[in-house]
């Protein structure tokens, strides 16, 4: 398994999220993984299962670029439920 935080594998969609007044663009597996890791785990507590699913999908996509569709779908569900989209 490769290091997910350094992965430049593109996602199938880019996500533009406004966080603390700043626009954050997430377009690669590495960017998404860093975003999910940088936000406090307490803030993801309500969405713990979806957060875990997204991290696992991102780790898999970092090792196999063919899995970027599943990673994108997992992120889309998590961000939609967390009302970040």
Protein backbone atom coordinates (compact mmCIF):
# COMPACT_ATOMS: atom_id res chain seq x y z
CA UNK A 1 0.00 0.00 0.00
CA UNK A 2 1.33 3.42 -0.89
CA UNK A 3 1.17 6.50 1.32
CA UNK A 4 -2.31 7.94 0.79
CA UNK A 5 -1.31 11.44 1.91
CA UNK A 6 1.16 11.74 -0.98
CA UNK A 7 -1.03 10.21 -3.67
CA UNK A 8 -1.57 12.32 -6.78
CA UNK A 9 -4.22 9.95 -8.14
CA UNK A 10 -7.04 12.16 -9.43
CA UNK A 11 -10.56 11.69 -8.15
CA UNK A 12 -13.39 11.38 -10.66
CA UNK A 13 -14.79 14.69 -9.39
CA UNK A 14 -13.36 17.76 -7.72
CA UNK A 15 -14.95 18.97 -4.51
CA UNK A 16 -15.03 22.65 -3.53
CA UNK A 17 -15.70 22.97 0.18
CA UNK A 18 -15.93 26.18 2.15
CA UNK A 19 -14.28 25.66 5.52
CA UNK A 20 -13.73 28.45 8.04
CA UNK A 21 -14.36 31.04 5.33
CA UNK A 22 -11.78 29.56 2.96
CA UNK A 23 -12.48 27.60 -0.21
CA UNK A 24 -10.77 24.21 -0.17
CA UNK A 25 -10.50 22.31 -3.46
CA UNK A 26 -10.10 18.56 -3.30
CA UNK A 27 -9.15 16.93 -6.59
CA UNK A 28 -6.73 14.12 -5.68
CA UNK A 29 -6.66 11.17 -3.32
CA UNK A 30 -3.86 12.78 -1.32
CA UNK A 31 -5.72 16.06 -0.90
CA UNK A 32 -8.84 14.24 0.25
CA UNK A 33 -6.93 12.03 2.67
CA UNK A 34 -5.12 15.02 4.17
CA UNK A 35 -8.44 16.88 4.52
CA UNK A 36 -10.10 13.95 6.31
CA UNK A 37 -7.06 13.55 8.55
CA UNK A 38 -6.62 17.24 9.37
CA UNK A 39 -10.13 17.84 10.66
CA UNK A 40 -10.56 16.78 14.27
CA UNK A 41 -11.95 13.25 14.74
CA UNK A 42 -14.49 14.72 17.14
CA UNK A 43 -15.95 16.76 14.29
CA UNK A 44 -16.44 13.55 12.26
CA UNK A 45 -17.97 11.66 15.21
CA UNK A 46 -21.53 11.91 13.87
CA UNK A 47 -20.35 10.49 10.54
CA UNK A 48 -17.79 8.05 11.93
CA UNK A 49 -18.83 5.12 9.74
CA UNK A 50 -18.89 7.19 6.54
CA UNK A 51 -15.58 8.82 7.50
CA UNK A 52 -14.01 5.41 8.04
CA UNK A 53 -15.39 4.12 4.72
CA UNK A 54 -13.98 7.14 2.88
CA UNK A 55 -10.53 6.76 4.45
CA UNK A 56 -10.41 3.05 3.58
CA UNK A 57 -11.50 3.81 0.00
CA UNK A 58 -8.85 6.54 -0.31
CA UNK A 59 -6.13 4.23 1.00
CA UNK A 60 -7.18 1.60 -1.55
CA UNK A 61 -7.22 4.18 -4.37
CA UNK A 62 -3.74 5.35 -3.39
CA UNK A 63 -2.51 1.82 -4.02
CA UNK A 64 -4.65 1.15 -7.09
CA UNK A 65 -5.81 4.09 -9.22
CA UNK A 66 -8.65 1.97 -10.64
CA UNK A 67 -10.40 2.36 -7.28
CA UNK A 68 -10.69 6.15 -7.55
CA UNK A 69 -14.37 5.83 -8.55
CA UNK A 70 -15.22 4.11 -5.26
CA UNK A 71 -13.17 6.66 -3.32
CA UNK A 72 -14.96 9.54 -5.05
CA UNK A 73 -18.35 7.98 -4.29
CA UNK A 74 -17.43 7.49 -0.62
CA UNK A 75 -16.32 11.12 -0.34
CA UNK A 76 -19.46 12.36 -2.08
CA UNK A 77 -21.67 10.50 0.42
CA UNK A 78 -19.67 11.72 3.43
CA UNK A 79 -19.57 15.36 2.27
CA UNK A 80 -23.26 15.37 1.36
CA UNK A 81 -24.33 13.91 4.71
CA UNK A 82 -22.07 16.38 6.54
CA UNK A 83 -23.65 19.18 4.45
CA UNK A 84 -20.28 20.29 3.10
CA UNK A 85 -21.48 20.20 -0.52
